[in-house]
Protein backbone atom coordinates (compact mmCIF):
# COMPACT_ATOMS: atom_id res chain seq x y z
CA MET A 1 0.04 -0.02 0.00
CA SER A 2 1.46 3.36 -0.96
CA ALA A 3 1.61 6.49 1.21
CA THR A 4 -0.80 9.28 0.44
CA TYR A 5 1.62 12.10 1.17
CA ASN A 6 5.20 12.55 0.06
CA TRP A 7 6.55 12.41 3.56
CA ALA A 8 10.20 13.43 3.62
CA TYR A 9 10.56 11.91 7.16
CA LYS A 10 9.78 8.19 6.94
CA PRO A 11 11.53 4.81 7.40
CA GLY A 12 14.65 4.31 5.40
CA VAL A 13 15.05 7.92 4.32
CA THR A 14 18.07 9.83 5.64
CA ASN A 15 17.67 13.49 6.71
CA LYS A 16 19.90 16.20 7.94
CA TYR A 17 18.64 15.97 11.50
CA GLY A 18 19.51 12.28 11.87
CA ILE A 19 15.87 11.47 12.82
CA SER A 20 15.20 7.78 12.38
CA ILE A 21 11.62 6.46 11.90
CA ALA A 22 10.91 2.89 12.76
CA SER A 23 9.73 0.62 9.92
CA SER A 24 5.97 0.27 9.41
CA ALA A 25 3.38 -0.15 6.69
CA ASP A 26 2.01 3.10 5.38
CA ASN A 27 -1.32 2.56 7.20
CA VAL A 28 0.28 1.65 10.50
CA ARG A 29 1.79 4.24 12.92
CA PRO A 30 5.50 3.63 13.48
CA SER A 31 6.43 2.63 17.02
CA ASN A 32 8.46 5.82 17.52
CA ALA A 33 6.66 8.33 15.41
CA CYS A 34 3.24 10.00 14.77
CA TYR A 35 2.10 11.87 11.67
CA VAL A 36 -0.15 14.95 11.68
CA ALA A 37 -1.50 16.76 8.61
CA LEU A 38 -4.19 19.29 7.87
CA TYR A 39 -5.92 16.84 5.63
CA GLY A 40 -5.89 14.19 8.36
CA ASN A 41 -8.73 13.13 10.65
CA ASP A 42 -8.78 12.92 14.48
CA THR A 43 -11.62 10.37 14.46
CA THR A 44 -10.59 7.99 11.66
CA GLY A 45 -6.84 8.66 11.63
CA ASN A 46 -4.31 6.53 13.53
CA GLY A 47 -1.16 8.71 13.23
CA SER A 48 0.26 6.73 10.30
CA ARG A 49 1.61 8.13 7.07
CA GLN A 50 -1.57 7.18 5.25
CA TYR A 51 -4.02 8.14 7.99
CA PRO A 52 -2.49 11.01 9.94
CA TYR A 53 -4.23 12.86 12.73
CA ARG A 54 -5.72 16.26 11.97
CA THR A 55 -4.44 18.14 15.08
CA ILE A 56 -1.30 18.21 17.22
CA THR A 57 -3.61 18.07 20.32
CA LYS A 58 -5.01 14.67 19.22
CA ALA A 59 -1.56 13.33 18.50
CA VAL A 60 0.10 14.26 21.75
CA ASN A 61 -2.84 13.16 23.85
CA THR A 62 -3.04 9.83 22.08
CA VAL A 63 0.63 8.83 21.72
CA ASN A 64 3.19 8.77 24.59
CA PRO A 65 5.22 11.88 23.72
CA SER A 66 8.49 10.74 25.34
CA ASN A 67 11.10 10.13 22.58
CA THR A 68 8.35 10.15 19.95
CA VAL A 69 8.88 11.99 16.57
CA PHE A 70 5.82 14.00 15.68
CA VAL A 71 6.00 14.71 11.97
CA LEU A 72 3.89 17.74 10.88
CA GLY A 73 2.69 18.16 7.34
CA SER A 74 2.72 21.57 5.58
CA GLY A 75 0.33 24.18 6.68
CA VAL A 76 -0.70 26.52 9.48
CA TYR A 77 -1.79 24.86 12.78
CA ARG A 78 -4.21 26.96 14.74
CA GLU A 79 -5.41 25.06 17.79
CA MET A 80 -6.80 25.88 21.18
CA LEU A 81 -4.06 23.86 22.82
CA THR A 82 -3.79 23.02 26.51
CA GLY A 83 -0.56 22.49 28.32
CA VAL A 84 0.91 18.98 28.11
CA VAL A 85 4.20 17.56 29.25
CA LEU A 86 6.25 16.65 26.27
CA SER A 87 9.70 15.92 27.65
CA TYR A 88 12.14 14.63 25.03
CA ALA A 89 9.52 14.64 22.25
CA ASN A 90 10.67 15.55 18.78
CA PHE A 91 8.66 17.86 16.44
CA VAL A 92 9.77 18.18 12.78
CA GLY A 93 8.14 20.19 10.06
CA ASP A 94 7.70 18.19 6.88
CA GLY A 95 7.63 21.06 4.44
CA ASP A 96 6.41 24.61 5.30
CA VAL A 97 4.89 24.29 8.80
CA THR A 98 3.63 27.17 10.99
CA ILE A 99 2.25 26.85 14.51
CA ASP A 100 0.23 29.91 15.63
CA VAL A 101 0.87 30.17 19.38
CA SER A 102 -1.66 32.95 19.82
CA TYR A 103 -4.26 30.26 19.84
CA PHE A 104 -2.73 28.48 22.81
CA THR A 105 -4.74 28.55 26.04
CA THR A 106 -1.53 27.65 27.76
CA ASN A 107 1.88 26.59 26.33
CA LEU A 108 2.04 23.85 23.76
CA TRP A 109 4.36 21.88 25.99
CA SER A 110 5.52 22.21 29.56
CA GLY A 111 7.81 20.51 31.95
CA GLN A 112 11.55 20.64 32.82
CA TYR A 113 12.69 19.34 29.49
CA CYS A 114 11.17 20.96 26.41
CA PRO A 115 10.93 19.02 23.13
CA LEU A 116 13.34 19.00 20.23
CA LEU A 117 12.17 21.27 17.42
CA TYR A 118 13.16 21.16 13.70
CA ASN A 119 12.06 23.28 10.70
CA ILE A 120 8.93 24.93 12.30
CA THR A 121 7.78 28.55 12.28
CA PHE A 122 6.07 29.76 15.50
CA LYS A 123 3.98 32.88 15.04
CA GLY A 124 1.86 34.97 17.40
CA ASN A 125 2.21 36.43 20.92
CA GLY A 126 3.25 33.75 23.35
CA SER A 127 5.76 31.05 24.20
CA SER A 128 6.06 27.58 22.82
CA CYS A 129 7.44 26.10 26.07
CA ALA A 130 6.66 26.58 29.75
CA GLY A 131 9.59 25.82 31.89
CA PHE A 132 13.30 25.68 31.56
CA ALA A 133 14.29 24.43 28.12
CA GLN A 134 16.99 22.05 29.36
CA VAL A 135 18.87 19.64 27.20
CA THR A 136 16.94 20.92 24.20
CA THR A 137 17.79 21.10 20.50
CA ILE A 138 16.18 23.65 18.21
CA LYS A 139 17.28 23.83 14.58
CA ASP A 140 16.08 25.65 11.44
CA CYS A 141 13.10 27.24 13.31
CA VAL A 142 11.62 30.76 13.24
CA PHE A 143 10.03 32.44 16.27
CA ASP A 144 8.01 35.45 15.13
CA GLY A 145 6.56 37.32 18.09
CA ALA A 146 6.99 34.14 20.05
CA SER A 147 9.82 32.71 22.06
CA PRO A 148 11.17 29.18 22.64
CA SER A 149 10.56 29.39 26.40
CA ASP A 150 8.58 31.56 28.73
CA ARG A 151 11.08 31.46 31.62
CA PHE A 152 13.83 32.62 29.32
CA GLN A 153 16.37 30.09 30.40
CA PHE A 154 18.10 27.44 28.35
CA GLY A 155 20.51 24.97 29.98
CA GLY A 156 21.74 21.48 30.30
CA GLY A 157 23.59 21.46 27.03
CA GLY A 158 21.02 23.13 24.87
CA ILE A 159 21.99 23.79 21.20
CA LEU A 160 20.12 26.29 19.05
CA THR A 161 21.30 26.36 15.40
CA ASN A 162 20.10 28.47 12.46
CA VAL A 163 17.18 29.79 14.46
CA ILE A 164 15.53 33.21 13.84
CA ILE A 165 13.96 35.00 16.79
CA LYS A 166 12.20 38.26 15.84
CA ASN A 167 9.64 40.77 17.16
CA TYR A 168 9.80 39.42 20.67
CA LEU A 169 8.67 42.05 23.15
CA SER A 170 9.48 40.46 26.47
CA VAL A 171 12.79 39.44 28.14
CA LEU A 172 14.44 36.47 26.56
CA TYR A 173 16.98 35.17 29.14
CA PHE A 174 19.83 32.86 28.01
CA GLN A 175 21.70 31.17 30.83
CA GLY A 176 23.54 28.03 30.26
CA GLN A 177 24.28 25.08 32.54
CA ILE A 178 26.78 22.27 32.40
CA PRO A 179 27.43 21.54 29.48
CA PRO A 180 27.05 25.06 28.21
CA LEU A 181 24.24 26.53 26.06
CA THR A 182 25.44 26.96 22.53
CA LEU A 183 23.89 29.36 20.00
CA ASN A 184 25.12 28.85 16.46
CA ASN A 185 24.06 30.88 13.32
CA MET A 186 21.26 32.59 15.12
CA THR A 187 19.46 35.74 13.84
CA PHE A 188 17.87 38.08 16.37
CA VAL A 189 15.67 40.85 14.91
CA ASN A 190 13.70 43.55 16.78
CA CYS A 191 14.00 41.86 20.16
CA ASN A 192 13.67 44.43 22.94
CA ALA A 193 15.34 42.60 25.91
CA LEU A 194 17.92 39.90 25.21
CA SER A 195 19.91 38.89 28.25
CA PHE A 196 23.03 36.66 28.30
CA ARG A 197 24.64 35.34 31.48
CA ASN A 198 27.53 33.21 32.49
CA ASP A 199 28.38 32.28 36.06
CA THR A 200 30.39 29.62 37.98
CA LEU A 201 28.22 26.73 36.90
CA SER A 202 26.83 27.97 33.62
CA ALA A 203 28.04 29.27 30.33
CA VAL A 204 26.58 30.63 27.09
CA THR A 205 28.53 30.39 23.79
CA LEU A 206 27.46 32.55 20.80
CA SER A 207 29.08 31.80 17.49
CA SER A 208 28.26 33.26 13.97
CA CYS A 209 25.13 35.14 15.16
CA ILE A 210 23.49 38.35 13.82
CA PHE A 211 21.80 40.91 16.11
CA TYR A 212 19.69 43.40 14.23
CA LYS A 213 17.87 46.24 16.14
CA CYS A 214 18.05 44.61 19.49
CA ASN A 215 18.44 45.62 23.16
CA ILE A 216 21.13 43.45 24.68
CA THR A 217 22.15 42.87 28.26
CA PHE A 218 25.38 41.11 29.30
CA GLN A 219 24.70 40.34 32.93
CA LYS A 220 27.96 38.66 33.74
CA ASP A 221 31.33 38.09 32.08
CA LEU A 222 30.83 35.84 29.12
CA GLY A 223 34.36 34.61 29.10
CA PRO A 224 37.26 34.62 26.62
CA ASN A 225 35.82 32.28 23.99
CA SER A 226 32.08 32.78 24.41
CA LEU A 227 31.39 35.35 21.72
CA ARG A 228 32.93 35.12 18.20
CA TYR A 229 32.23 35.72 14.55
CA SER A 230 28.99 37.71 15.29
CA LEU A 231 27.57 40.90 13.91
CA PHE A 232 25.60 43.65 15.58
CA TYR A 233 23.71 46.44 13.93
CA GLN A 234 21.66 49.23 15.50
CA CYS A 235 21.77 47.59 18.88
CA ASN A 236 21.62 49.09 22.45
CA PHE A 237 23.73 47.53 25.18
CA ARG A 238 23.99 47.47 28.92
CA PHE A 239 26.37 45.59 31.22
CA ASN A 240 26.35 44.05 34.79
CA VAL A 241 22.67 44.50 35.39
CA THR A 242 20.54 42.23 37.63
CA ILE A 243 17.74 40.80 35.51
CA ASP A 244 14.61 42.86 36.06
CA GLY A 245 12.67 42.24 32.94
CA SER A 246 13.09 45.72 31.61
CA GLY A 247 13.61 46.53 27.97
CA GLY A 248 11.99 49.01 25.66
CA ALA A 249 11.57 50.11 22.12
CA VAL A 250 14.49 49.25 19.92
CA TYR A 251 16.73 51.59 17.90
CA PRO A 252 16.39 54.53 17.11
CA ASN A 253 15.03 54.56 20.62
CA VAL A 254 17.48 53.99 23.44
CA PRO A 255 15.74 52.66 26.60
CA ALA A 256 16.87 53.87 29.98
CA GLY A 257 20.05 52.17 31.19
CA TYR A 258 21.12 51.22 27.62
CA THR A 259 23.71 52.77 25.43
CA TYR A 260 23.80 52.79 21.68
CA TYR A 261 27.10 51.94 20.06
CA SER A 262 27.89 52.39 16.36
CA ASP A 263 31.57 51.65 16.86
CA PHE A 264 32.58 48.14 17.92
CA ASN A 265 35.77 49.22 19.66
CA ALA A 266 33.81 51.58 21.82
CA MET A 267 31.39 48.75 22.84
CA LYS A 268 34.37 46.52 23.68
CA THR A 269 35.91 49.26 25.84
CA ALA A 270 32.70 49.68 27.73
CA TYR A 271 32.32 45.95 28.20
CA SER A 272 35.91 45.50 29.44
CA SER A 273 35.52 48.38 31.98
CA VAL A 274 32.79 46.37 33.68
CA PHE A 275 33.97 42.79 33.47
CA PRO A 276 37.50 41.64 34.46
CA THR A 277 37.75 39.06 31.70
CA TYR A 278 36.04 39.84 28.43
CA PRO A 279 35.65 37.87 25.19
CA SER A 280 38.21 38.10 22.48
CA PHE A 281 35.32 39.06 20.19
CA THR A 282 37.10 37.24 17.41
CA GLY A 283 35.61 38.20 14.06
CA CYS A 284 32.97 40.37 15.60
CA THR A 285 31.87 43.80 14.26
CA ILE A 286 29.12 46.36 14.10
CA ALA A 287 27.88 46.62 10.57
CA ASP A 288 24.69 46.33 8.43
CA PRO A 289 24.22 42.60 7.64
CA LYS A 290 22.49 43.55 4.45
CA PHE A 291 19.48 41.32 4.57
CA ASN A 292 17.84 40.87 1.17
CA ASN A 293 14.37 41.92 2.34
CA PRO A 294 13.71 41.88 6.06
CA PHE A 295 10.28 43.58 5.52
CA ILE A 296 8.81 40.20 4.47
CA GLY A 297 10.93 38.03 6.75
CA ASP A 298 13.60 37.26 4.18
CA TYR A 299 16.88 37.34 6.21
CA THR A 300 18.97 35.81 3.51
CA LEU A 301 22.20 37.76 2.93
CA ALA A 302 23.10 40.01 -0.02
CA PHE A 303 26.14 38.93 -1.85
CA ASP A 304 28.25 41.67 -0.39
CA SER A 305 26.98 41.18 3.20
CA PRO A 306 29.84 41.56 5.72
CA ALA A 307 28.30 38.76 7.72
CA LYS A 308 29.50 36.25 5.10
CA ASN A 309 33.04 37.18 5.96
CA LEU A 310 32.27 36.44 9.59
CA SER A 311 31.65 32.74 8.82
CA TYR A 312 27.87 33.31 9.33
CA PHE A 313 26.15 30.15 8.06
CA GLY A 314 22.66 31.50 7.65
CA THR A 315 20.56 30.93 4.61
CA TYR A 316 21.97 32.44 1.37
CA ILE A 317 20.31 33.57 -1.81
CA GLY A 318 20.98 30.80 -4.26
CA VAL A 319 19.75 27.45 -5.38
CA SER A 320 19.45 23.72 -4.78
CA SER A 321 19.17 21.38 -7.69
CA ILE A 322 18.50 17.79 -8.87
CA ALA A 323 21.35 17.37 -11.30
CA GLN A 324 22.82 20.76 -12.03
CA SER A 325 22.98 24.27 -10.65
CA ILE A 326 20.35 26.83 -11.54
CA LYS A 327 22.26 30.07 -11.96
CA ALA A 328 21.21 33.54 -13.06
CA ARG A 329 23.81 34.98 -15.41
CA ALA A 330 23.77 37.95 -17.78
CA ILE A 331 25.01 35.70 -20.61
CA GLU A 332 22.42 32.97 -21.29
CA SER A 333 24.95 30.28 -22.08
CA ALA A 334 26.61 30.64 -18.72
CA GLY A 335 23.47 30.36 -16.65
CA GLY A 336 20.47 28.00 -15.97
CA PHE A 337 17.62 30.13 -17.26
CA GLU A 338 16.02 30.27 -20.71
CA PHE A 339 15.90 33.91 -21.68
CA SER A 340 13.29 33.39 -24.39
CA SER A 341 10.73 32.45 -21.72
CA ALA A 342 11.27 35.66 -19.68
CA LEU A 343 8.28 37.87 -19.26
CA ASN A 344 8.68 41.16 -17.46
CA ILE A 345 12.11 40.03 -16.21
CA ASN A 346 15.55 41.63 -16.12
CA ILE A 347 18.44 39.14 -15.79
CA ALA A 348 21.97 40.01 -14.57
CA ASP A 349 24.66 37.99 -12.82
CA ASP A 350 23.10 36.47 -9.63
CA SER A 351 20.02 38.66 -10.06
CA ILE A 352 16.52 38.42 -11.40
CA THR A 353 14.32 41.47 -11.16
CA LEU A 354 10.98 42.66 -12.46
CA SER A 355 11.05 45.17 -15.34
CA ASP A 356 7.74 46.66 -14.15
CA SER A 357 7.26 46.17 -10.38
CA THR A 358 3.43 46.45 -10.75
CA ILE A 359 2.92 43.31 -12.86
CA ASP A 360 3.92 39.70 -12.63
CA GLY A 361 7.07 38.22 -14.02
CA GLN A 362 7.82 34.72 -15.32
CA ILE A 363 10.87 32.70 -16.36
CA ASP A 364 11.68 29.08 -17.11
CA THR A 365 14.87 27.20 -16.39
CA LYS A 366 16.69 25.29 -19.04
CA PRO A 367 15.70 21.63 -18.89
CA ILE A 368 17.52 19.64 -16.21
CA VAL A 369 18.78 16.18 -17.17
CA ASN A 370 18.11 13.80 -14.22
CA LEU A 371 20.58 11.01 -14.85
CA MET A 372 21.69 10.02 -11.28
CA SER A 373 19.29 7.44 -9.70
CA ARG A 374 16.44 9.01 -11.59
CA GLU A 375 14.16 9.27 -8.52
CA ILE A 376 13.51 12.98 -7.84
CA ALA A 377 14.14 13.79 -4.23
CA LYS A 378 12.91 17.40 -4.45
CA LEU A 379 12.50 20.20 -6.92
CA PRO A 380 15.17 22.84 -7.24
CA SER A 381 14.34 26.34 -6.00
CA TYR A 382 15.87 29.71 -6.69
CA GLY A 383 15.75 32.56 -4.09
CA PHE A 384 14.71 35.88 -5.50
CA ASN A 385 15.80 39.24 -4.13
CA ALA A 386 12.40 40.35 -2.98
CA ASP A 387 12.54 44.13 -2.75
CA ARG A 388 9.62 44.30 -5.19
CA ASN A 389 12.06 42.59 -7.46
CA GLY A 390 11.10 38.96 -6.78
CA GLN A 391 8.92 36.57 -4.97
CA TYR A 392 9.40 35.35 -1.42
CA ILE A 393 8.46 31.72 -1.84
CA ASP A 394 5.81 30.58 0.55
CA SER A 395 3.35 27.69 0.11
CA ILE A 396 1.33 28.38 3.31
CA ALA A 397 -2.13 29.83 2.76
CA ASP A 398 -3.03 32.93 4.74
CA LEU A 399 -6.30 32.41 6.51
CA ASP A 400 -8.85 34.82 7.85
CA ILE A 401 -8.52 35.45 11.67
CA THR A 402 -12.30 34.72 12.16
CA THR A 403 -14.28 31.67 11.44
CA SER A 404 -17.78 31.34 9.87
CA VAL A 405 -20.52 29.11 11.33
CA ALA A 406 -23.58 27.73 9.66
CA GLY A 407 -25.88 30.51 8.46
CA SER A 408 -23.16 33.06 8.20
CA THR A 409 -22.94 34.97 4.93
CA LEU A 410 -19.94 33.87 3.02
CA SER A 411 -17.91 35.99 0.55
CA ILE A 412 -18.67 35.40 -3.19
CA PRO A 413 -16.58 34.13 -4.84
CA ALA A 414 -13.92 33.07 -2.34
CA PRO A 415 -12.00 29.95 -1.24
CA TYR A 416 -12.76 28.42 2.12
CA ILE A 417 -11.32 25.60 4.19
CA VAL A 418 -13.38 23.42 6.61
CA GLU A 419 -11.75 23.71 10.05
CA ASN A 420 -14.09 21.63 12.24
CA GLY A 421 -17.05 19.33 11.84
CA THR A 422 -18.77 18.43 8.62
CA ILE A 423 -20.54 20.97 6.41
CA VAL A 424 -22.80 20.90 3.31
CA TYR A 425 -22.40 23.58 0.70
CA ASN A 426 -24.15 23.63 -2.64
CA GLY A 427 -25.21 20.05 -2.19
CA PHE A 428 -21.74 18.71 -1.46
CA THR A 429 -20.41 17.41 1.91
CA TYR A 430 -17.02 18.65 3.05
CA GLN A 431 -14.89 17.23 5.89
CA PRO A 432 -12.16 19.07 8.00
CA GLY A 433 -9.31 20.07 5.76
CA ASP A 434 -11.50 20.03 2.58
CA ARG A 435 -11.60 23.23 0.52
CA PHE A 436 -14.34 24.75 -1.60
CA THR A 437 -14.97 27.88 -3.52
CA THR A 438 -18.23 29.81 -3.14
CA ILE A 439 -20.45 30.56 -6.10
CA ALA A 440 -23.06 33.07 -6.88
CA GLY A 441 -26.45 32.38 -5.18
CA GLN A 442 -24.99 30.12 -2.51
CA THR A 443 -24.01 32.43 0.41
CA THR A 444 -24.44 30.00 3.31
CA PHE A 445 -23.73 26.39 4.34
CA THR A 446 -25.42 24.00 6.79
CA THR A 447 -24.04 21.58 9.32
CA VAL A 448 -25.24 18.93 11.80
CA ALA A 449 -21.77 18.52 13.37
CA ASN A 450 -20.80 22.02 14.47
CA GLY A 451 -19.04 22.65 11.22
CA VAL A 452 -16.82 25.78 11.02
CA VAL A 453 -15.08 27.19 7.97
CA ARG A 454 -12.37 29.85 7.49
CA GLU A 455 -11.81 31.99 4.41
CA ILE A 456 -8.48 31.53 2.58
CA ILE A 457 -7.35 35.04 2.17
CA GLU A 458 -4.33 34.09 0.06
CA ALA A 459 -4.23 30.68 -1.50
CA PRO A 460 -0.92 28.93 -1.99
CA GLN A 461 -0.85 29.44 -5.72
CA ARG A 462 1.34 32.32 -4.82
CA HIS A 463 3.83 29.60 -4.20
CA THR A 464 4.68 30.27 -7.87
CA ILE A 465 6.87 27.25 -8.56
CA MET A 466 5.76 24.97 -11.47
CA ALA A 467 7.40 22.02 -13.10
CA ARG A 468 7.03 19.66 -16.08
CA PHE A 469 8.51 16.23 -16.64
CA GLY A 470 9.39 13.94 -19.48
CA ASP A 471 11.28 10.79 -20.32
CA GLY A 472 12.24 11.82 -23.78
CA GLY A 473 10.53 11.14 -27.05
CA THR A 474 11.51 9.48 -30.34
CA SER A 475 14.88 9.91 -32.01
CA VAL A 476 15.25 12.56 -34.67
CA SER A 477 17.26 11.93 -37.85
CA VAL A 478 19.69 14.33 -39.56
CA GLY A 479 17.77 16.42 -42.06
CA THR A 480 14.45 16.18 -40.27
CA ALA A 481 12.67 19.45 -39.65
CA LEU A 482 12.67 20.36 -35.92
CA THR A 483 9.58 21.69 -34.12
CA LEU A 484 9.78 25.32 -33.01
CA GLY A 485 9.92 25.58 -29.25
CA TYR A 486 10.68 21.86 -28.52
CA TYR A 487 13.80 20.88 -26.59
CA TYR A 488 16.22 18.27 -27.92
CA TYR A 489 18.72 16.15 -26.15
CA VAL A 490 22.00 14.95 -27.80
CA SER A 491 22.07 11.28 -26.84
CA ALA A 492 25.33 10.43 -28.59
CA GLY A 493 28.13 12.11 -30.44
CA SER A 494 27.85 15.75 -31.44
CA ILE A 495 25.68 17.80 -33.79
CA THR A 496 25.54 21.30 -35.19
CA TYR A 497 22.35 23.42 -35.05
CA ASP A 498 21.93 27.12 -35.68
CA SER A 499 25.74 27.30 -36.17
CA ILE A 500 26.31 26.03 -32.61
CA ILE A 501 28.04 22.67 -31.82
CA TYR A 502 26.23 20.55 -29.16
CA ASN A 503 27.90 17.52 -27.64
CA PHE A 504 26.55 14.40 -25.86
CA GLY A 505 24.46 15.41 -22.84
CA ASP A 506 23.64 18.93 -24.16
CA ILE A 507 20.07 20.15 -24.56
CA PHE A 508 19.07 22.87 -27.00
CA ARG A 509 15.81 24.61 -27.90
CA ALA A 510 14.63 24.77 -31.50
CA VAL A 511 14.44 28.44 -32.52
CA ASP A 512 13.17 27.56 -35.99
CA THR A 513 12.17 24.51 -38.08
CA ASN A 514 15.60 23.92 -39.68
CA SER A 515 17.32 20.55 -39.21
CA PHE A 516 20.62 19.86 -37.56
CA SER A 517 23.75 18.38 -39.07
CA GLY A 518 26.46 15.98 -37.85
CA ALA A 519 26.90 12.34 -37.00
CA GLY A 520 25.35 12.51 -33.46
CA SER A 521 22.01 11.20 -32.21
CA VAL A 522 19.19 13.44 -31.03
CA ILE A 523 15.94 12.77 -29.21
CA ILE A 524 13.03 14.98 -28.15
CA ALA A 525 13.49 15.95 -24.52
CA LEU A 526 10.44 18.13 -23.80
CA SER A 527 7.67 19.06 -26.23
CA THR A 528 4.06 19.95 -25.13
CA GLU A 529 4.11 18.67 -21.53
CA SER A 530 2.10 20.93 -19.26
CA PHE A 531 3.51 22.81 -16.20
CA GLN A 532 1.94 22.05 -12.81
CA HIS A 533 2.35 23.52 -9.32
CA TYR A 534 4.69 21.88 -6.88
CA GLU A 535 6.09 22.47 -3.40
CA PRO A 536 9.94 22.70 -3.06
CA GLY A 537 11.48 20.27 -0.61
CA ILE A 538 8.72 17.73 -1.08
CA LYS A 539 9.01 14.79 -3.45
CA PRO A 540 6.91 15.14 -6.62
CA THR A 541 4.65 12.15 -7.21
CA SER A 542 2.88 10.40 -10.11
CA ASN A 543 -0.68 8.95 -10.10
CA ASN A 544 -0.22 5.31 -10.92
CA THR A 545 -2.12 2.18 -11.62
CA GLY A 546 -0.98 -1.41 -11.11
CA ASP A 547 1.69 -0.46 -8.52
CA MET A 548 3.99 0.67 -11.35
CA ARG A 549 5.75 4.05 -11.74
CA THR A 550 3.81 4.95 -14.80
CA GLY A 551 0.86 7.23 -15.44
CA SER A 552 0.24 10.92 -15.44
CA ILE A 553 2.01 13.30 -13.08
CA ILE A 554 -0.22 14.56 -10.29
CA ARG A 555 -0.27 18.14 -9.15
CA GLY A 556 1.51 19.19 -5.95
CA ASN A 557 -0.07 21.03 -3.11
CA GLY A 558 1.14 24.33 -4.45
CA ASP A 559 -1.99 24.01 -6.61
CA PRO A 560 -5.06 24.93 -4.51
CA ALA A 561 -7.19 22.62 -6.66
CA TYR A 562 -5.24 19.58 -5.53
CA ILE A 563 -5.69 17.97 -2.12
CA ARG A 564 -3.01 15.48 -1.42
CA GLY A 565 -3.96 11.98 -0.43
CA GLY A 566 -7.20 10.05 -0.52
CA LEU A 567 -8.05 6.35 -0.32
CA SER A 568 -8.34 5.98 -4.11
CA VAL A 569 -5.11 7.76 -4.95
CA GLN A 570 -1.89 5.81 -5.46
CA GLU A 571 1.20 8.02 -5.31
CA PHE A 572 4.68 7.02 -6.39
CA PRO A 573 7.90 9.04 -6.79
CA VAL A 574 8.60 10.61 -10.18
CA ASN A 575 11.71 9.32 -11.95
CA ALA A 576 11.62 11.35 -15.13
CA LYS A 577 14.69 11.98 -17.14
CA PHE A 578 14.02 15.59 -18.12
CA ILE A 579 12.67 18.35 -15.78
CA GLN A 580 11.96 22.00 -16.36
CA ILE A 581 11.01 24.51 -13.69
CA ARG A 582 8.93 27.65 -14.17
CA TYR A 583 9.03 30.55 -11.71
CA ILE A 584 6.21 33.11 -11.50
CA ILE A 585 6.93 36.22 -9.48
CA LYS A 586 3.64 37.68 -8.21
CA ALA A 587 3.97 41.46 -7.94
CA ASN A 588 0.94 41.75 -5.66
CA ASN A 589 2.43 39.40 -3.10
CA LEU A 590 5.55 41.56 -2.60
CA LYS A 591 5.99 44.22 -0.03
CA PRO A 592 7.70 47.45 -1.13
């Protein structure tokens, strides 16, 4: 039986976090894991890959959390959660996962040992953990208005890596224990009271971190090797202050007791005048990190960012690929994009911008040859500079903050998602997680099971990544007229077309109907295959019959018309030989 979701975290699949899932059939929950997805069902689900639960609440109250891996499918989780003890539990986001902590009635988890968190965004006003986050690991997470802990203490060997904490308005207190708390590749933005403290039995080590518009307190001497390769910009500082919870508005404001420093040597002098032993501050500086577009949460670094010279290992503008790099270059032959496909696009070295910032842009990659192993692990993605020049890629739908109950007047036309219960609209029955679009004359829905719906304000088609696949067509003989716009693959030898020599492995696009010359062999790579929406980082799948990897490609969940899974759907990995990616930059999704 095949899984109904392209889970990246499943038995036998390696991942960068070293998370291991016990073997199980797709319809059986693994002994050490539990799956949750917005298309799941808390009543009929069992926590397996094929039948996930719908809510985190159901999962953690059904499965013993200790040492369990809770795998969360893409989407926004808004739940009225109650506090539960989840010591040593693991939560990993499988795709783009957001947990809205403003819906919590108490913290998501509580207890002395907070869970291990991977690849999850926490948004809203609140904390994800109640209690001291001891012996915790947090990697590749974002906390927007939220914090990892409400007691502001991390200890017992905690490690935070590649974590963004932004817009947090309360005190965030970092105090290590033995072994020390380690902060690697962290980004702090608009935090009004960060406090770092070492003492006899505790230590905090910061390495390759960025502090942007933050109020920072060093309570005690950090020690000679505790702060290195870090960058500060528009930050206020104070030293040797007993923690009192005070902070204030960030720069250009300077709260009482703080001092603003624009010169790093001046800050070091002030620090050393208070503490007898001060950090070497190796590789540290005060400078603008040059984020690409912090206004929309894009903290990737510009190519000339001084943070790169500090060994900062944050996310970079760039690419990931299946078989070859996707590069933007001013000369088409040197890059990975097909200039003839560009609509409202300017292309320069390492830069793709909109010609007119008020209308959408579009560009295709050159076809990618997938020769190694043939099974596509994920689709390549390209990061756009998004200062109204490109699209911040996001596959999560933005939902209305209020829900609609039976009898409420719905917007026409508008997409909705069923959040609870079962509803009937326009003669059709919809379950939790199902989506529908309203039509003229049908302004209300009915329910017998307390059904609630929420309007989708911005559907994930803004995701804007599309792909098409092919295994190659028939061979083409020398002297045969080519088809304008088709892509051709040199399968042997070398040929000459349009006065250009192409060798084995090269792909070229027919710019006219003339034939090619030479002794090499040529096949059609891509012809009229359609582009469909996909989600980066998730395996594409095909809709198959007879348990064979054949059949048409199914649409990914970047397409709002496609809902992943279902008892009658058989999904298998795509192992196509030729892939082409299309990027659509939506101007109305960009912030100026």
